[in-house]
Amino acid sequence: MGNPLDRKSLLKTLNLSRFTAFDFETTGLDPYNDRIIEIAAIRFEDGEITDRYVELINPERPISRMITEI
């Protein structure tokens, strides 16, 4: 097996010198009935974090115990 690539080498190999990763948290998995409660984005340039964004969103309904325990 070949040598594993470190993060910077992998991103260079994939030609991903700049990209943004997004993360969404929701009240559940049903796209018709559940709501987004948090959005996060992290900007990477040359393998380093250069910016971040996090926003909490009021779902306008109770959040289940199962979700709050995650």
C-alpha atoms as a PDB file:
ATOM      1  CA  MET A   1       0.000   0.000   0.000  1.00  0.00           C
ATOM      2  CA  GLY A   2       1.178   3.543  -0.714  1.00  0.00           C
ATOM      3  CA  ASN A   3       1.954   6.166   1.874  1.00  0.00           C
ATOM      4  CA  PRO A   4      -1.094   7.947   3.270  1.00  0.00           C
ATOM      5  CA  LEU A   5      -1.352  11.583   2.226  1.00  0.00           C
ATOM      6  CA  ASP A   6      -1.439  14.330   4.799  1.00  0.00           C
ATOM      7  CA  ARG A   7      -4.265  16.872   4.548  1.00  0.00           C
ATOM      8  CA  LYS A   8      -2.328  19.447   2.498  1.00  0.00           C
ATOM      9  CA  SER A   9      -1.014  16.831   0.050  1.00  0.00           C
ATOM     10  CA  LEU A  10      -4.471  15.334  -0.390  1.00  0.00           C
ATOM     11  CA  LEU A  11      -6.029  18.737  -1.081  1.00  0.00           C
ATOM     12  CA  LYS A  12      -3.287  19.542  -3.593  1.00  0.00           C
ATOM     13  CA  THR A  13      -3.781  16.175  -5.323  1.00  0.00           C
ATOM     14  CA  LEU A  14      -7.523  16.845  -5.559  1.00  0.00           C
ATOM     15  CA  ASN A  15      -6.864  20.417  -6.752  1.00  0.00           C
ATOM     16  CA  LEU A  16      -8.740  21.823  -3.752  1.00  0.00           C
ATOM     17  CA  SER A  17      -6.558  24.744  -2.733  1.00  0.00           C
ATOM     18  CA  ARG A  18      -9.641  26.718  -1.656  1.00  0.00           C
ATOM     19  CA  PHE A  19     -13.001  25.366  -0.553  1.00  0.00           C
ATOM     20  CA  THR A  20     -15.746  25.801   2.016  1.00  0.00           C
ATOM     21  CA  ALA A  21     -17.146  22.943   4.111  1.00  0.00           C
ATOM     22  CA  PHE A  22     -20.742  23.275   5.329  1.00  0.00           C
ATOM     23  CA  ASP A  23     -22.454  21.582   8.271  1.00  0.00           C
ATOM     24  CA  PHE A  24     -26.189  21.651   8.963  1.00  0.00           C
ATOM     25  CA  GLU A  25     -27.871  20.553  12.183  1.00  0.00           C
ATOM     26  CA  THR A  26     -31.589  19.810  12.105  1.00  0.00           C
ATOM     27  CA  THR A  27     -34.450  18.811  14.385  1.00  0.00           C
ATOM     28  CA  GLY A  28     -34.532  15.406  12.638  1.00  0.00           C
ATOM     29  CA  LEU A  29     -34.075  13.651   9.310  1.00  0.00           C
ATOM     30  CA  ASP A  30     -37.445  14.297   7.649  1.00  0.00           C
ATOM     31  CA  PRO A  31     -36.954  17.006   4.973  1.00  0.00           C
ATOM     32  CA  TYR A  32     -40.685  17.829   4.961  1.00  0.00           C
ATOM     33  CA  ASN A  33     -41.300  18.174   8.707  1.00  0.00           C
ATOM     34  CA  ASP A  34     -37.972  18.888  10.401  1.00  0.00           C
ATOM     35  CA  ARG A  35     -36.149  22.213  10.498  1.00  0.00           C
ATOM     36  CA  ILE A  36     -32.583  23.473  10.286  1.00  0.00           C
ATOM     37  CA  ILE A  37     -31.390  24.680  13.706  1.00  0.00           C
ATOM     38  CA  GLU A  38     -27.728  25.473  12.970  1.00  0.00           C
ATOM     39  CA  ILE A  39     -25.598  26.278   9.933  1.00  0.00           C
ATOM     40  CA  ALA A  40     -21.808  26.290  10.043  1.00  0.00           C
ATOM     41  CA  ALA A  41     -19.242  26.945   7.322  1.00  0.00           C
ATOM     42  CA  ILE A  42     -15.461  26.710   7.440  1.00  0.00           C
ATOM     43  CA  ARG A  43     -13.299  28.214   4.690  1.00  0.00           C
ATOM     44  CA  PHE A  44     -10.006  26.451   3.876  1.00  0.00           C
ATOM     45  CA  GLU A  45      -7.142  27.882   1.840  1.00  0.00           C
ATOM     46  CA  ASP A  46      -4.061  25.761   1.198  1.00  0.00           C
ATOM     47  CA  GLY A  47      -5.179  23.341   3.919  1.00  0.00           C
ATOM     48  CA  GLU A  48      -5.555  26.007   6.609  1.00  0.00           C
ATOM     49  CA  ILE A  49      -8.752  27.381   8.137  1.00  0.00           C
ATOM     50  CA  THR A  50      -9.082  31.010   7.067  1.00  0.00           C
ATOM     51  CA  ASP A  51     -12.639  31.840   8.089  1.00  0.00           C
ATOM     52  CA  ARG A  52     -15.630  30.389   9.923  1.00  0.00           C
ATOM     53  CA  TYR A  53     -19.304  31.125  10.238  1.00  0.00           C
ATOM     54  CA  VAL A  54     -21.848  29.685  12.692  1.00  0.00           C
ATOM     55  CA  GLU A  55     -25.508  30.668  12.946  1.00  0.00           C
ATOM     56  CA  LEU A  56     -28.149  29.268  15.285  1.00  0.00           C
ATOM     57  CA  ILE A  57     -31.677  29.280  13.866  1.00  0.00           C
ATOM     58  CA  ASN A  58     -34.916  29.275  15.838  1.00  0.00           C
ATOM     59  CA  PRO A  59     -36.928  26.317  14.469  1.00  0.00           C
ATOM     60  CA  GLU A  60     -40.129  27.828  15.907  1.00  0.00           C
ATOM     61  CA  ARG A  61     -41.019  24.495  17.470  1.00  0.00           C
ATOM     62  CA  PRO A  62     -39.741  22.405  20.384  1.00  0.00           C
ATOM     63  CA  ILE A  63     -36.510  20.465  19.848  1.00  0.00           C
ATOM     64  CA  SER A  64     -36.760  16.823  20.915  1.00  0.00           C
ATOM     65  CA  ARG A  65     -34.688  15.495  23.796  1.00  0.00           C
ATOM     66  CA  MET A  66     -32.975  13.050  21.400  1.00  0.00           C
ATOM     67  CA  ILE A  67     -31.659  15.942  19.286  1.00  0.00           C
ATOM     68  CA  THR A  68     -30.525  18.074  22.245  1.00  0.00           C
ATOM     69  CA  GLU A  69     -28.574  15.112  23.663  1.00  0.00           C
ATOM     70  CA  ILE A  70     -26.519  14.677  20.470  1.00  0.00           C
END
